[in-house]
């Protein structure tokens, strides 16, 4: 597979990224730019020039990733996993004045495994703020890390417009609608698997056509640049895998100490664990071709199923610019969802070799549009204490 090339999208005007509309009078926007939106801009670019026959040749073997919001073009952001939580009364990172955000995945893995082995805990598994003892609740969004953790602030605005009658070209009575768009105060970073000779046309297409909806009504103008010095806070897979399991062993010792029958339980984990976290939505199907929220992966010739999963579903649709038709609406899995697997310690070296390929290929369907991007052992899972 080709090496991905990183790009940045800097809005010059507000951007509206359409989603499934529960009410046609209110047009909400997504906070992330799907790869299909960039793909659609290229199709529109060729359609304007009456070169429909070039669309298929250009996008063939090109895989468009999702573009995530960030503070700077050179700094990669990551989505918070669905297992991330924060104080209900004082939400947010410590550096931003909140009581901190922490991840619950590793404590949940250890608690689940010890309970399965017969562990008898003196108290229930209850999550509260360490500082004020208030209830903890889920935290969503994207974060960056320079010296400290920081959430990416996304600014939106709404504008009310009047619908135009296509026949009379005048305003339509009783047809007001509101558009919510992303302000041009944030930059988006993403990767595209593309040949270098196609980059010039790609840049020209998205900058001339614009991205998203309502590009003929003052939305979607951008600057599209290749990023050579992107600060990647992810690290290599082997390092993430080792830190993830070291933290599991550390939490294992802590939770083991509050069981009533610790002498009957293993003093350390008997397996190695890894988590697959979605950094873009995914579309999974079962053997019958029906939408599924379960993930099965094949590593070293063996099929693995998750021992734990934390998933949220969503509807995924879209519009095919080339065909001029809506895409099929299906049930997918939201960004940040997590699947946990365990392996025998003897097979660790063999499976580590396949992790990199799995991250590059992704999971599920419509991967060429950016769906199914994953991160193995997301670095934020190690933050079991508020940061």
Protein backbone atom coordinates (compact mmCIF):
# COMPACT_ATOMS: atom_id res chain seq x y z
CA UNK A 1 0.00 0.00 0.00
CA UNK A 2 1.13 3.56 -0.72
CA UNK A 3 2.45 5.72 2.10
CA UNK A 4 -0.16 8.28 3.17
CA UNK A 5 0.48 11.97 2.54
CA UNK A 6 -0.78 14.47 5.11
CA UNK A 7 -2.71 17.57 4.08
CA UNK A 8 -4.33 20.52 5.83
CA UNK A 9 -7.59 22.29 4.99
CA UNK A 10 -7.75 25.91 6.14
CA UNK A 11 -11.22 27.45 5.67
CA UNK A 12 -11.40 30.93 4.16
CA UNK A 13 -15.18 31.04 4.45
CA UNK A 14 -17.57 29.06 6.68
CA UNK A 15 -17.93 25.37 5.86
CA UNK A 16 -21.14 23.38 5.98
CA UNK A 17 -20.64 19.60 6.05
CA UNK A 18 -24.07 18.13 5.52
CA UNK A 19 -25.41 15.19 7.48
CA UNK A 20 -28.68 13.26 7.62
CA UNK A 21 -31.42 15.87 8.11
CA UNK A 22 -34.03 15.11 10.79
CA UNK A 23 -35.69 18.44 9.94
CA UNK A 24 -35.35 20.08 6.52
CA UNK A 25 -35.65 23.56 8.05
CA UNK A 26 -32.50 23.16 10.14
CA UNK A 27 -29.30 22.14 8.37
CA UNK A 28 -26.77 20.98 10.97
CA UNK A 29 -23.08 20.53 10.19
CA UNK A 30 -20.59 17.84 11.09
CA UNK A 31 -17.47 18.83 13.05
CA UNK A 32 -15.20 16.65 10.92
CA UNK A 33 -14.64 16.56 7.16
CA UNK A 34 -15.25 13.09 5.66
CA UNK A 35 -12.98 11.87 2.89
CA UNK A 36 -16.06 11.57 0.67
CA UNK A 37 -16.44 15.37 0.76
CA UNK A 38 -12.96 15.89 -0.72
CA UNK A 39 -13.64 13.06 -3.17
CA UNK A 40 -16.88 14.73 -4.22
CA UNK A 41 -15.11 18.05 -4.84
CA UNK A 42 -12.83 16.31 -7.35
CA UNK A 43 -15.81 14.75 -9.14
CA UNK A 44 -17.51 18.15 -9.29
CA UNK A 45 -14.32 19.73 -10.67
CA UNK A 46 -14.25 17.31 -13.61
CA UNK A 47 -18.02 17.60 -14.17
CA UNK A 48 -17.71 21.38 -14.54
CA UNK A 49 -15.17 20.80 -17.31
CA UNK A 50 -17.30 18.13 -19.01
CA UNK A 51 -14.62 15.55 -18.29
CA UNK A 52 -16.76 12.93 -16.55
CA UNK A 53 -14.64 10.17 -18.06
CA UNK A 54 -11.63 11.31 -16.00
CA UNK A 55 -13.32 10.94 -12.62
CA UNK A 56 -12.92 7.18 -12.32
CA UNK A 57 -9.29 7.22 -13.50
CA UNK A 58 -8.34 9.93 -11.03
CA UNK A 59 -9.94 8.49 -7.89
CA UNK A 60 -8.93 4.92 -8.73
CA UNK A 61 -6.59 3.59 -6.02
CA UNK A 62 -6.85 6.87 -4.08
CA UNK A 63 -8.02 6.59 -0.49
CA UNK A 64 -9.30 9.75 1.19
CA UNK A 65 -9.07 9.94 4.96
CA UNK A 66 -11.21 12.00 7.33
CA UNK A 67 -9.91 15.48 8.18
CA UNK A 68 -10.01 16.20 11.91
CA UNK A 69 -10.05 19.69 13.46
CA UNK A 70 -6.84 21.00 15.03
CA UNK A 71 -5.41 24.20 16.46
CA UNK A 72 -2.50 24.35 14.01
CA UNK A 73 -1.90 22.84 10.57
CA UNK A 74 1.27 21.18 11.86
CA UNK A 75 -0.36 19.50 14.88
CA UNK A 76 -2.38 16.30 14.54
CA UNK A 77 -5.48 15.98 16.72
CA UNK A 78 -7.12 12.79 17.95
CA UNK A 79 -10.70 12.04 18.98
CA UNK A 80 -11.36 11.29 22.63
CA UNK A 81 -12.42 7.64 23.05
CA UNK A 82 -16.00 6.97 24.17
CA UNK A 83 -14.48 5.67 27.42
CA UNK A 84 -13.13 9.15 28.30
CA UNK A 85 -14.91 10.85 31.21
CA UNK A 86 -14.79 14.14 33.07
CA UNK A 87 -16.31 15.85 36.11
CA UNK A 88 -19.95 16.84 35.57
CA UNK A 89 -19.58 20.09 37.55
CA UNK A 90 -16.14 21.15 36.30
CA UNK A 91 -15.55 19.51 32.92
CA UNK A 92 -12.38 19.79 30.85
CA UNK A 93 -8.64 19.25 31.07
CA UNK A 94 -6.68 20.46 34.11
CA UNK A 95 -4.76 22.93 31.94
CA UNK A 96 -8.07 24.55 30.92
CA UNK A 97 -9.39 24.98 34.46
CA UNK A 98 -11.46 21.80 34.63
CA UNK A 99 -11.08 18.90 37.05
CA UNK A 100 -9.44 16.81 34.34
CA UNK A 101 -10.40 14.19 31.77
CA UNK A 102 -9.52 10.54 32.34
CA UNK A 103 -10.02 7.27 30.49
CA UNK A 104 -11.87 4.33 32.03
CA UNK A 105 -11.00 1.59 29.54
CA UNK A 106 -8.06 -0.03 31.34
CA UNK A 107 -9.76 -0.09 34.78
CA UNK A 108 -12.82 -1.64 33.10
CA UNK A 109 -10.69 -4.32 31.41
CA UNK A 110 -9.03 -5.24 34.71
CA UNK A 111 -12.30 -5.17 36.65
CA UNK A 112 -13.98 -7.38 34.02
CA UNK A 113 -11.11 -9.88 33.95
CA UNK A 114 -10.81 -10.13 37.75
CA UNK A 115 -14.58 -10.57 38.13
CA UNK A 116 -14.48 -13.34 35.51
CA UNK A 117 -11.74 -15.06 37.52
CA UNK A 118 -13.91 -14.94 40.65
CA UNK A 119 -12.68 -11.67 42.16
CA UNK A 120 -14.80 -10.46 45.08
CA UNK A 121 -14.63 -6.68 45.35
CA UNK A 122 -15.40 -4.77 48.52
CA UNK A 123 -17.23 -2.02 46.60
CA UNK A 124 -18.98 -1.51 43.25
CA UNK A 125 -17.22 -0.02 40.23
CA UNK A 126 -18.26 3.63 40.58
CA UNK A 127 -16.74 6.59 38.74
CA UNK A 128 -16.56 9.99 40.41
CA UNK A 129 -14.46 13.12 40.15
CA UNK A 130 -11.26 12.76 42.17
CA UNK A 131 -11.36 16.40 43.36
CA UNK A 132 -15.00 17.20 44.21
CA UNK A 133 -16.53 13.69 44.20
CA UNK A 134 -19.18 14.82 41.71
CA UNK A 135 -20.54 12.39 39.16
CA UNK A 136 -18.37 11.71 36.11
CA UNK A 137 -19.87 11.85 32.61
CA UNK A 138 -18.67 11.07 29.11
CA UNK A 139 -16.56 13.64 27.30
CA UNK A 140 -16.53 13.97 23.51
CA UNK A 141 -14.48 15.96 21.06
CA UNK A 142 -10.93 16.22 19.76
CA UNK A 143 -7.75 17.01 21.62
CA UNK A 144 -4.16 17.99 20.95
CA UNK A 145 -1.11 17.68 23.15
CA UNK A 146 1.87 20.01 23.08
CA UNK A 147 3.08 20.54 26.65
CA UNK A 148 -0.38 19.89 28.08
CA UNK A 149 -3.60 18.35 26.87
CA UNK A 150 -5.98 20.79 25.23
CA UNK A 151 -9.38 20.35 23.61
CA UNK A 152 -9.82 21.64 20.08
CA UNK A 153 -12.40 24.42 20.15
CA UNK A 154 -14.81 24.33 17.21
CA UNK A 155 -16.69 27.52 16.45
CA UNK A 156 -20.06 27.50 14.70
CA UNK A 157 -22.56 30.06 13.56
CA UNK A 158 -26.10 29.91 12.22
CA UNK A 159 -27.62 31.87 9.37
CA UNK A 160 -31.26 31.98 8.36
CA UNK A 161 -31.98 32.02 4.64
CA UNK A 162 -35.00 32.17 2.35
CA UNK A 163 -35.63 29.36 -0.12
CA UNK A 164 -35.73 30.30 -3.81
CA UNK A 165 -38.48 29.02 -6.07
CA UNK A 166 -36.69 27.22 -8.96
CA UNK A 167 -39.36 28.26 -11.47
CA UNK A 168 -39.90 31.93 -10.64
CA UNK A 169 -36.38 32.55 -9.26
CA UNK A 170 -37.96 34.55 -6.45
CA UNK A 171 -38.31 33.93 -2.73
CA UNK A 172 -40.64 31.10 -1.72
CA UNK A 173 -43.30 31.97 0.85
CA UNK A 174 -43.13 30.22 4.23
CA UNK A 175 -39.82 28.58 3.33
CA UNK A 176 -37.22 29.84 5.79
CA UNK A 177 -34.34 27.55 6.73
CA UNK A 178 -31.35 27.86 9.06
CA UNK A 179 -27.84 26.74 8.18
CA UNK A 180 -25.27 25.92 10.86
CA UNK A 181 -21.68 26.10 9.61
CA UNK A 182 -18.13 25.87 10.92
CA UNK A 183 -16.39 29.22 11.31
CA UNK A 184 -13.02 29.73 9.67
CA UNK A 185 -11.18 29.68 13.02
CA UNK A 186 -9.91 26.12 12.91
CA UNK A 187 -7.75 24.03 10.58
CA UNK A 188 -8.40 20.41 9.56
CA UNK A 189 -5.68 17.77 9.11
CA UNK A 190 -6.01 14.42 7.37
CA UNK A 191 -4.22 11.88 5.22
CA UNK A 192 -4.75 10.75 1.66
CA UNK A 193 -3.20 7.72 -0.03
CA UNK A 194 -2.41 9.27 -3.41
CA UNK A 195 0.27 9.30 -6.09
CA UNK A 196 2.44 12.44 -5.99
CA UNK A 197 1.68 13.33 -9.61
CA UNK A 198 -2.02 13.74 -8.73
CA UNK A 199 -1.49 16.24 -5.90
CA UNK A 200 -1.45 19.34 -8.14
CA UNK A 201 -4.86 18.50 -9.67
CA UNK A 202 -6.23 17.58 -6.24
CA UNK A 203 -5.23 20.99 -4.80
CA UNK A 204 -6.63 22.86 -7.79
CA UNK A 205 -9.91 20.95 -7.64
CA UNK A 206 -10.74 21.45 -3.97
CA UNK A 207 -9.65 25.09 -3.94
CA UNK A 208 -11.65 26.02 -7.05
CA UNK A 209 -14.80 24.05 -6.28
CA UNK A 210 -14.74 24.31 -2.49
CA UNK A 211 -15.85 21.60 -0.10
CA UNK A 212 -19.09 20.74 1.60
CA UNK A 213 -22.59 21.97 0.84
CA UNK A 214 -23.81 25.38 -0.32
CA UNK A 215 -20.60 26.25 -2.16
CA UNK A 216 -22.59 28.44 -4.58
CA UNK A 217 -23.98 30.45 -1.64
CA UNK A 218 -20.78 31.66 -0.02
CA UNK A 219 -19.62 28.55 1.82
CA UNK A 220 -16.75 26.11 1.47
CA UNK A 221 -13.80 28.16 0.16
CA UNK A 222 -10.53 26.72 1.50
CA UNK A 223 -6.74 26.61 1.19
CA UNK A 224 -5.44 23.08 0.69
CA UNK A 225 -1.79 22.38 1.53
CA UNK A 226 0.54 19.41 1.81
CA UNK A 227 2.03 19.15 5.30
CA UNK A 228 5.61 17.91 5.57
CA UNK A 229 6.32 18.65 9.24
CA UNK A 230 3.23 17.31 10.99
CA UNK A 231 3.83 16.77 14.70
CA UNK A 232 2.49 13.28 15.31
CA UNK A 233 1.55 12.56 18.93
CA UNK A 234 0.63 8.93 18.28
CA UNK A 235 4.03 7.18 18.47
CA UNK A 236 4.85 3.75 17.05
CA UNK A 237 2.62 0.72 17.51
CA UNK A 238 5.04 -1.41 19.53
CA UNK A 239 5.57 1.39 22.03
CA UNK A 240 1.83 2.01 22.39
CA UNK A 241 1.15 -1.72 22.84
CA UNK A 242 3.81 -2.06 25.55
CA UNK A 243 2.67 1.05 27.45
CA UNK A 244 -0.95 -0.12 27.24
CA UNK A 245 -0.12 -3.49 28.80
CA UNK A 246 2.22 -1.98 31.39
CA UNK A 247 -0.61 0.25 32.53
CA UNK A 248 -2.95 -2.77 32.69
CA UNK A 249 -0.45 -4.55 34.96
CA UNK A 250 -0.21 -1.45 37.15
CA UNK A 251 -4.01 -1.13 37.49
CA UNK A 252 -4.26 -4.92 38.02
CA UNK A 253 -2.13 -4.59 41.15
CA UNK A 254 -4.26 -1.68 42.41
CA UNK A 255 -7.61 -3.41 41.91
CA UNK A 256 -6.31 -6.75 43.16
CA UNK A 257 -5.47 -5.10 46.49
CA UNK A 258 -9.15 -4.29 47.15
CA UNK A 259 -10.50 -7.80 46.52
CA UNK A 260 -11.44 -10.01 49.44
CA UNK A 261 -9.92 -13.14 47.89
CA UNK A 262 -6.73 -11.81 46.28
CA UNK A 263 -4.69 -14.87 47.32
CA UNK A 264 -6.85 -16.99 44.97
CA UNK A 265 -6.38 -14.67 41.98
CA UNK A 266 -3.43 -14.28 39.56
CA UNK A 267 -1.00 -11.64 40.76
CA UNK A 268 -0.55 -10.28 37.25
CA UNK A 269 -2.39 -10.52 33.89
CA UNK A 270 -2.17 -13.89 32.13
CA UNK A 271 -2.70 -12.42 28.65
CA UNK A 272 -1.71 -9.44 26.55
CA UNK A 273 -4.42 -6.97 25.57
CA UNK A 274 -4.94 -4.44 22.82
CA UNK A 275 -7.71 -1.99 21.98
CA UNK A 276 -8.90 -0.88 18.54
CA UNK A 277 -10.28 2.65 18.68
CA UNK A 278 -12.09 4.23 15.72
CA UNK A 279 -10.63 7.57 14.63
CA UNK A 280 -13.27 7.82 11.92
CA UNK A 281 -16.76 6.28 11.74
CA UNK A 282 -16.92 2.68 10.50
CA UNK A 283 -19.43 0.64 8.50
CA UNK A 284 -19.41 -3.02 9.48
CA UNK A 285 -21.51 -5.82 8.01
CA UNK A 286 -22.10 -9.36 9.26
CA UNK A 287 -21.95 -12.60 7.24
CA UNK A 288 -25.47 -11.95 5.91
CA UNK A 289 -24.54 -8.45 4.72
CA UNK A 290 -26.57 -6.71 7.44
CA UNK A 291 -25.25 -3.75 9.48
CA UNK A 292 -23.32 -4.90 12.53
CA UNK A 293 -21.84 -3.29 15.65
CA UNK A 294 -19.46 -6.18 16.26
CA UNK A 295 -15.90 -6.43 14.97
CA UNK A 296 -14.01 -9.58 14.07
CA UNK A 297 -10.39 -9.37 12.96
CA UNK A 298 -7.99 -11.94 11.55
CA UNK A 299 -4.41 -11.90 12.86
CA UNK A 300 -1.79 -14.51 12.05
CA UNK A 301 -4.46 -16.82 10.61
CA UNK A 302 -6.75 -16.68 13.64
CA UNK A 303 -10.05 -14.82 14.00
CA UNK A 304 -10.39 -12.74 17.17
CA UNK A 305 -13.60 -11.39 18.70
CA UNK A 306 -13.65 -8.60 21.31
CA UNK A 307 -13.85 -9.43 25.00
CA UNK A 308 -15.27 -5.95 25.62
CA UNK A 309 -16.67 -3.25 23.39
CA UNK A 310 -17.86 0.29 23.93
CA UNK A 311 -19.69 1.43 20.81
CA UNK A 312 -22.23 4.03 19.78
CA UNK A 313 -24.20 3.72 16.57
CA UNK A 314 -25.08 6.42 14.04
CA UNK A 315 -26.71 6.70 10.63
CA UNK A 316 -24.32 7.15 7.70
CA UNK A 317 -25.45 8.40 4.31
CA UNK A 318 -23.97 10.72 1.73
CA UNK A 319 -24.30 12.06 -1.77
CA UNK A 320 -22.58 10.75 -4.90
CA UNK A 321 -21.56 13.78 -6.97
CA UNK A 322 -20.50 11.62 -9.91
CA UNK A 323 -23.87 9.85 -10.11
CA UNK A 324 -25.97 12.73 -8.86
CA UNK A 325 -27.75 10.37 -6.45
CA UNK A 326 -27.94 9.86 -2.67
CA UNK A 327 -25.91 7.02 -1.21
CA UNK A 328 -27.52 4.23 0.74
CA UNK A 329 -28.24 5.15 4.37
CA UNK A 330 -26.87 2.53 6.72
CA UNK A 331 -26.10 2.07 10.41
CA UNK A 332 -22.47 2.69 11.31
CA UNK A 333 -20.30 3.02 14.39
CA UNK A 334 -19.37 6.43 15.77
CA UNK A 335 -15.87 7.82 15.95
CA UNK A 336 -14.18 7.04 19.29
CA UNK A 337 -15.81 3.62 19.75
CA UNK A 338 -13.53 0.95 21.25
CA UNK A 339 -13.09 -2.83 20.87
CA UNK A 340 -10.85 -4.76 23.30
CA UNK A 341 -9.07 -8.02 22.42
CA UNK A 342 -6.70 -10.33 24.26
CA UNK A 343 -4.00 -12.64 22.94
CA UNK A 344 -1.65 -15.26 24.32
CA UNK A 345 1.68 -13.81 25.38
CA UNK A 346 3.53 -16.31 23.20
CA UNK A 347 1.92 -14.87 20.03
CA UNK A 348 2.73 -11.25 20.86
CA UNK A 349 5.72 -10.94 18.49
CA UNK A 350 3.85 -12.46 15.55
CA UNK A 351 0.78 -10.27 15.93
CA UNK A 352 2.72 -7.03 16.42
CA UNK A 353 3.94 -7.37 12.82
CA UNK A 354 0.35 -7.32 11.57
CA UNK A 355 -0.80 -4.31 13.58
CA UNK A 356 0.79 -1.75 11.26
CA UNK A 357 -0.89 -3.25 8.21
CA UNK A 358 -4.23 -3.37 10.02
CA UNK A 359 -3.94 0.34 10.90
CA UNK A 360 -3.13 1.25 7.30
CA UNK A 361 -5.89 -0.88 5.73
CA UNK A 362 -8.61 -0.03 8.25
CA UNK A 363 -11.82 -1.97 8.84
CA UNK A 364 -15.26 -2.30 7.30
CA UNK A 365 -16.70 -0.85 4.11
CA UNK A 366 -16.20 2.38 2.11
CA UNK A 367 -12.60 2.63 3.28
CA UNK A 368 -11.76 4.61 0.12
CA UNK A 369 -13.92 7.42 1.60
CA UNK A 370 -12.06 7.34 4.92
CA UNK A 371 -14.45 5.15 6.90
CA UNK A 372 -12.92 2.56 9.21
CA UNK A 373 -9.70 4.35 10.22
CA UNK A 374 -8.42 2.82 13.44
CA UNK A 375 -5.77 3.35 16.07
CA UNK A 376 -4.41 0.40 18.02
CA UNK A 377 -3.88 1.16 21.72
CA UNK A 378 -4.95 4.81 21.53
CA UNK A 379 -2.47 6.79 23.71
CA UNK A 380 -5.23 8.42 25.75
CA UNK A 381 -6.26 5.03 27.18
CA UNK A 382 -3.16 5.24 29.39
CA UNK A 383 -4.54 8.32 31.19
CA UNK A 384 -6.38 6.53 33.99
CA UNK A 385 -6.00 9.57 36.28
CA UNK A 386 -7.39 13.05 35.42
CA UNK A 387 -5.13 15.12 33.16
